Protein backbone atom coordinates (compact mmCIF):
# COMPACT_ATOMS: atom_id res chain seq x y z
CA MET A 1 18.69 1.75 28.22
CA PRO A 2 15.48 3.61 29.65
CA LEU A 3 11.89 2.28 28.95
CA THR A 4 11.31 5.59 26.88
CA VAL A 5 13.90 4.63 24.41
CA LEU A 6 13.28 1.36 24.21
CA ALA A 7 9.25 1.38 23.96
CA PRO A 8 9.38 3.75 21.08
CA GLY A 9 12.26 1.64 19.53
CA ALA A 10 9.74 -1.81 19.82
CA VAL A 11 6.75 -0.01 18.43
CA SER A 12 8.86 1.50 15.66
CA LEU A 13 10.01 -2.20 14.98
CA ILE A 14 6.86 -3.84 14.93
CA THR A 15 5.08 -1.16 12.62
CA ASP A 16 7.79 -1.77 9.96
CA VAL A 17 7.83 -5.40 10.18
CA SER A 18 3.76 -5.32 10.21
CA SER A 19 3.90 -2.44 7.11
CA GLU A 20 6.45 -4.97 4.95
CA MET A 21 3.78 -8.21 5.43
CA VAL A 22 0.95 -6.05 4.04
CA THR A 23 3.06 -4.80 1.32
CA ALA A 24 4.14 -8.15 0.38
CA VAL A 25 0.39 -9.71 0.19
CA LEU A 26 -1.64 -6.74 -1.08
CA PRO A 27 -1.73 -7.65 -4.89
CA LEU A 28 -3.14 -10.93 -3.74
CA TYR A 29 -5.83 -9.68 -2.02
CA VAL A 30 -6.43 -7.29 -4.79
CA VAL A 31 -6.62 -10.18 -7.01
CA ALA A 32 -7.92 -12.58 -5.21
CA GLY A 33 -10.00 -10.70 -2.53
CA LEU A 34 -11.59 -8.18 -4.21
CA GLY A 35 -11.85 -9.76 -7.28
CA LEU A 36 -10.18 -6.74 -9.41
CA PRO A 37 -8.59 -7.79 -12.97
CA GLY A 38 -4.79 -8.21 -12.51
CA ASP A 39 -3.65 -5.66 -14.58
CA TYR A 40 -4.41 -3.16 -11.87
CA GLY A 41 -1.23 -0.80 -12.99
CA SER A 42 -1.58 2.40 -15.36
CA ASP A 43 0.07 2.25 -18.98
CA LEU A 44 3.83 3.81 -19.27
CA TRP A 45 4.10 6.36 -22.04
CA ALA A 46 7.00 8.16 -23.12
CA VAL A 47 7.26 11.54 -24.92
CA ARG A 48 10.32 13.47 -26.22
CA ALA A 49 11.63 16.29 -23.66
CA ASP A 50 11.19 18.97 -26.37
CA GLY A 51 7.50 18.01 -26.87
CA THR A 52 8.00 16.81 -30.42
CA GLY A 53 7.09 13.55 -31.91
CA THR A 54 4.27 11.47 -30.83
CA ALA A 55 3.90 9.59 -26.97
CA ARG A 56 4.82 5.72 -27.43
CA ARG A 57 3.57 3.37 -24.80
CA LEU A 58 6.45 1.87 -23.06
CA MET A 59 5.03 -0.35 -20.70
CA THR A 60 1.15 -1.92 -20.47
CA SER A 61 0.29 -2.20 -16.81
CA ALA A 62 3.32 -0.79 -15.12
CA VAL A 63 2.92 -1.01 -11.42
CA ALA A 64 6.00 0.72 -11.12
CA PRO A 65 7.60 3.33 -13.35
CA ALA A 66 10.86 2.82 -12.47
CA TYR A 67 10.57 -1.21 -13.33
CA LEU A 68 11.33 -1.32 -17.17
CA GLY A 69 12.28 -5.14 -17.45
């Protein structure tokens, strides 16, 4: 394979690995390094689609709204 194909592929691989490493330790850095409270997420609320009724909180300090476990 030519160098013009291998070099960008290697750079892409290294960039992907480094971003995965940062994503894994970022919450630890935010809490331990910066001293911020551990509940840095947002509350997750649910409201009926037709707009009637009142809003209710599904989860407190949700980091990812897709997680409801």
